[in-house]
Amino acid sequence: MSVAHRRYVSRADVRYAGDLVNGAYALAGFGDAVTELAIRTDGDEGLLAGYRAVEFHAPIRAGDVVEFTATVTRVRTRSRTVALTCSVLCRATPERGVTAAQPLDPPVVAVTAEATVVVPPAG
């Protein structure tokens, strides 16, 4: 089971020079994707217990369109292990114009991680 969330990165999300957002931006998106995944698989939002192996591969900038993907990789009685990927699908190209942007083919993987979500007992 997998879910995907897409979102536009606005200027309000920028934290650093170069229109960069901070790493917590990806973690927040992962949290939303994991929550939907838990609802779909277990009928409950569950509780995100932790992240492991968080790796930042490429920057996320204002003007990007990003996709957060969450995929269940392991099912235990009360927990699920979830593989997470944040990919940049579109990127602003300000050198072409103030509002110019382009799709990226292939998308750029910006962040990967693994999460554990705890769900209530069945029944």
C-alpha atoms as a PDB file:
ATOM      1  CA  MET A   1       0.000   0.000   0.000  1.00  0.00           C
ATOM      2  CA  SER A   2       1.283   3.448  -0.944  1.00  0.00           C
ATOM      3  CA  VAL A   3       0.001   7.001  -0.824  1.00  0.00           C
ATOM      4  CA  ALA A   4       1.335  10.181  -2.397  1.00  0.00           C
ATOM      5  CA  HIS A   5       0.828  13.833  -1.471  1.00  0.00           C
ATOM      6  CA  ARG A   6       1.783  16.690  -3.759  1.00  0.00           C
ATOM      7  CA  ARG A   7       2.308  20.262  -2.710  1.00  0.00           C
ATOM      8  CA  TYR A   8       3.624  23.555  -4.053  1.00  0.00           C
ATOM      9  CA  VAL A   9       6.505  25.098  -2.101  1.00  0.00           C
ATOM     10  CA  SER A  10       5.713  28.775  -1.547  1.00  0.00           C
ATOM     11  CA  ARG A  11       7.966  31.672  -0.643  1.00  0.00           C
ATOM     12  CA  ALA A  12       6.422  31.556   2.835  1.00  0.00           C
ATOM     13  CA  ASP A  13       8.202  28.207   3.338  1.00  0.00           C
ATOM     14  CA  VAL A  14      11.677  29.648   2.624  1.00  0.00           C
ATOM     15  CA  ARG A  15      14.141  29.699   5.532  1.00  0.00           C
ATOM     16  CA  TYR A  16      17.528  30.234   3.896  1.00  0.00           C
ATOM     17  CA  ALA A  17      19.290  32.141   1.119  1.00  0.00           C
ATOM     18  CA  GLY A  18      18.829  30.741  -2.352  1.00  0.00           C
ATOM     19  CA  ASP A  19      15.091  30.226  -1.692  1.00  0.00           C
ATOM     20  CA  LEU A  20      15.861  27.031   0.273  1.00  0.00           C
ATOM     21  CA  VAL A  21      13.440  25.445   2.726  1.00  0.00           C
ATOM     22  CA  ASN A  22      14.659  23.627   5.818  1.00  0.00           C
ATOM     23  CA  GLY A  23      14.795  19.852   6.184  1.00  0.00           C
ATOM     24  CA  ALA A  24      11.826  19.873   8.549  1.00  0.00           C
ATOM     25  CA  TYR A  25       9.648  20.795   5.552  1.00  0.00           C
ATOM     26  CA  ALA A  26      10.136  17.283   4.138  1.00  0.00           C
ATOM     27  CA  LEU A  27       9.542  15.668   7.530  1.00  0.00           C
ATOM     28  CA  ALA A  28       6.217  17.494   7.873  1.00  0.00           C
ATOM     29  CA  GLY A  29       5.170  16.278   4.423  1.00  0.00           C
ATOM     30  CA  PHE A  30       6.200  12.740   5.345  1.00  0.00           C
ATOM     31  CA  GLY A  31       4.048  12.993   8.475  1.00  0.00           C
ATOM     32  CA  ASP A  32       0.982  13.902   6.409  1.00  0.00           C
ATOM     33  CA  ALA A  33       1.570  11.008   3.996  1.00  0.00           C
ATOM     34  CA  VAL A  34       2.108   8.525   6.850  1.00  0.00           C
ATOM     35  CA  THR A  35      -1.105   9.705   8.523  1.00  0.00           C
ATOM     36  CA  GLU A  36      -3.152   9.053   5.384  1.00  0.00           C
ATOM     37  CA  LEU A  37      -1.447   5.681   4.937  1.00  0.00           C
ATOM     38  CA  ALA A  38      -2.365   4.667   8.508  1.00  0.00           C
ATOM     39  CA  ILE A  39      -5.982   5.746   7.965  1.00  0.00           C
ATOM     40  CA  ARG A  40      -6.197   3.695   4.766  1.00  0.00           C
ATOM     41  CA  THR A  41      -4.518   0.583   6.186  1.00  0.00           C
ATOM     42  CA  ASP A  42      -5.785   0.609   9.781  1.00  0.00           C
ATOM     43  CA  GLY A  43      -8.747   2.987   9.969  1.00  0.00           C
ATOM     44  CA  ASP A  44      -6.899   5.230  12.424  1.00  0.00           C
ATOM     45  CA  GLU A  45      -4.395   8.099  12.123  1.00  0.00           C
ATOM     46  CA  GLY A  46      -1.939   6.144  14.238  1.00  0.00           C
ATOM     47  CA  LEU A  47       1.053   7.721  15.939  1.00  0.00           C
ATOM     48  CA  LEU A  48       4.288   8.474  14.112  1.00  0.00           C
ATOM     49  CA  ALA A  49       6.845   6.986  16.503  1.00  0.00           C
ATOM     50  CA  GLY A  50      10.045   7.979  14.730  1.00  0.00           C
ATOM     51  CA  TYR A  51      12.171   8.444  11.654  1.00  0.00           C
ATOM     52  CA  ARG A  52      15.293   6.494  10.696  1.00  0.00           C
ATOM     53  CA  ALA A  53      17.868   6.896   7.961  1.00  0.00           C
ATOM     54  CA  VAL A  54      16.798  10.417   6.957  1.00  0.00           C
ATOM     55  CA  GLU A  55      18.969  11.452   4.006  1.00  0.00           C
ATOM     56  CA  PHE A  56      18.975  14.795   2.204  1.00  0.00           C
ATOM     57  CA  HIS A  57      19.952  14.284  -1.445  1.00  0.00           C
ATOM     58  CA  ALA A  58      18.960  17.564  -3.143  1.00  0.00           C
ATOM     59  CA  PRO A  59      17.598  20.984  -2.145  1.00  0.00           C
ATOM     60  CA  ILE A  60      13.930  21.918  -1.986  1.00  0.00           C
ATOM     61  CA  ARG A  61      13.267  25.498  -3.065  1.00  0.00           C
ATOM     62  CA  ALA A  62      10.420  27.971  -3.348  1.00  0.00           C
ATOM     63  CA  GLY A  63       8.576  27.347  -6.592  1.00  0.00           C
ATOM     64  CA  ASP A  64       9.067  23.567  -6.484  1.00  0.00           C
ATOM     65  CA  VAL A  65       6.236  21.089  -6.749  1.00  0.00           C
ATOM     66  CA  VAL A  66       7.116  18.167  -4.499  1.00  0.00           C
ATOM     67  CA  GLU A  67       5.607  14.745  -3.980  1.00  0.00           C
ATOM     68  CA  PHE A  68       5.772  12.829  -0.699  1.00  0.00           C
ATOM     69  CA  THR A  69       5.372   9.077  -1.125  1.00  0.00           C
ATOM     70  CA  ALA A  70       4.802   6.656   1.764  1.00  0.00           C
ATOM     71  CA  THR A  71       4.879   2.880   1.219  1.00  0.00           C
ATOM     72  CA  VAL A  72       4.320   0.187   3.849  1.00  0.00           C
ATOM     73  CA  THR A  73       7.324  -2.154   3.858  1.00  0.00           C
ATOM     74  CA  ARG A  74       6.674  -4.146   7.030  1.00  0.00           C
ATOM     75  CA  VAL A  75       3.558  -4.967   9.048  1.00  0.00           C
ATOM     76  CA  ARG A  76       3.713  -5.963  12.694  1.00  0.00           C
ATOM     77  CA  THR A  77       0.910  -6.434  15.189  1.00  0.00           C
ATOM     78  CA  ARG A  78       0.791  -2.799  16.309  1.00  0.00           C
ATOM     79  CA  SER A  79       3.309  -1.032  14.091  1.00  0.00           C
ATOM     80  CA  ARG A  80       4.099  -0.437  10.449  1.00  0.00           C
ATOM     81  CA  THR A  81       7.449   0.363   8.843  1.00  0.00           C
ATOM     82  CA  VAL A  82       7.111   2.885   6.035  1.00  0.00           C
ATOM     83  CA  ALA A  83       9.560   3.860   3.270  1.00  0.00           C
ATOM     84  CA  LEU A  84       9.408   7.580   2.465  1.00  0.00           C
ATOM     85  CA  THR A  85      10.511   9.592  -0.556  1.00  0.00           C
ATOM     86  CA  CYS A  86      10.233  13.306  -1.298  1.00  0.00           C
ATOM     87  CA  SER A  87      10.747  14.073  -4.992  1.00  0.00           C
ATOM     88  CA  VAL A  88      10.847  17.421  -6.784  1.00  0.00           C
ATOM     89  CA  LEU A  89       8.497  17.142  -9.786  1.00  0.00           C
ATOM     90  CA  CYS A  90       8.682  20.740 -11.042  1.00  0.00           C
ATOM     91  CA  ARG A  91      11.166  23.532 -10.400  1.00  0.00           C
ATOM     92  CA  ALA A  92      11.022  27.306 -10.838  1.00  0.00           C
ATOM     93  CA  THR A  93      13.298  28.688 -13.551  1.00  0.00           C
ATOM     94  CA  PRO A  94      13.546  32.398 -12.632  1.00  0.00           C
ATOM     95  CA  GLU A  95      16.273  32.967 -15.228  1.00  0.00           C
ATOM     96  CA  ARG A  96      13.516  32.492 -17.855  1.00  0.00           C
ATOM     97  CA  GLY A  97      11.057  34.832 -16.123  1.00  0.00           C
ATOM     98  CA  VAL A  98       9.603  35.695 -12.745  1.00  0.00           C
ATOM     99  CA  THR A  99       6.881  33.024 -12.914  1.00  0.00           C
ATOM    100  CA  ALA A 100       8.597  30.496 -15.202  1.00  0.00           C
ATOM    101  CA  ALA A 101       8.889  26.850 -14.140  1.00  0.00           C
ATOM    102  CA  GLN A 102       9.384  23.468 -15.743  1.00  0.00           C
ATOM    103  CA  PRO A 103       8.590  19.831 -15.031  1.00  0.00           C
ATOM    104  CA  LEU A 104      11.641  17.701 -14.192  1.00  0.00           C
ATOM    105  CA  ASP A 105      11.991  14.474 -16.148  1.00  0.00           C
ATOM    106  CA  PRO A 106      13.027  12.476 -14.295  1.00  0.00           C
ATOM    107  CA  PRO A 107      11.992  13.973 -10.962  1.00  0.00           C
ATOM    108  CA  VAL A 108      14.802  14.718  -8.487  1.00  0.00           C
ATOM    109  CA  VAL A 109      14.802  12.703  -5.254  1.00  0.00           C
ATOM    110  CA  ALA A 110      15.329  15.292  -2.527  1.00  0.00           C
ATOM    111  CA  VAL A 111      14.845  13.345   0.713  1.00  0.00           C
ATOM    112  CA  THR A 112      14.457   9.688   1.710  1.00  0.00           C
ATOM    113  CA  ALA A 113      13.689   8.188   5.103  1.00  0.00           C
ATOM    114  CA  GLU A 114      12.051   5.329   6.939  1.00  0.00           C
ATOM    115  CA  ALA A 115       9.375   5.775   9.604  1.00  0.00           C
ATOM    116  CA  THR A 116       7.592   3.704  12.190  1.00  0.00           C
ATOM    117  CA  VAL A 117       3.918   4.314  12.835  1.00  0.00           C
ATOM    118  CA  VAL A 118       2.104   2.744  15.780  1.00  0.00           C
ATOM    119  CA  VAL A 119      -1.560   1.809  15.327  1.00  0.00           C
ATOM    120  CA  PRO A 120      -4.210   0.769  17.867  1.00  0.00           C
ATOM    121  CA  PRO A 121      -4.856  -2.942  18.385  1.00  0.00           C
ATOM    122  CA  ALA A 122      -7.305  -4.553  15.930  1.00  0.00           C
ATOM    123  CA  GLY A 123     -10.797  -5.166  17.214  1.00  0.00           C
END
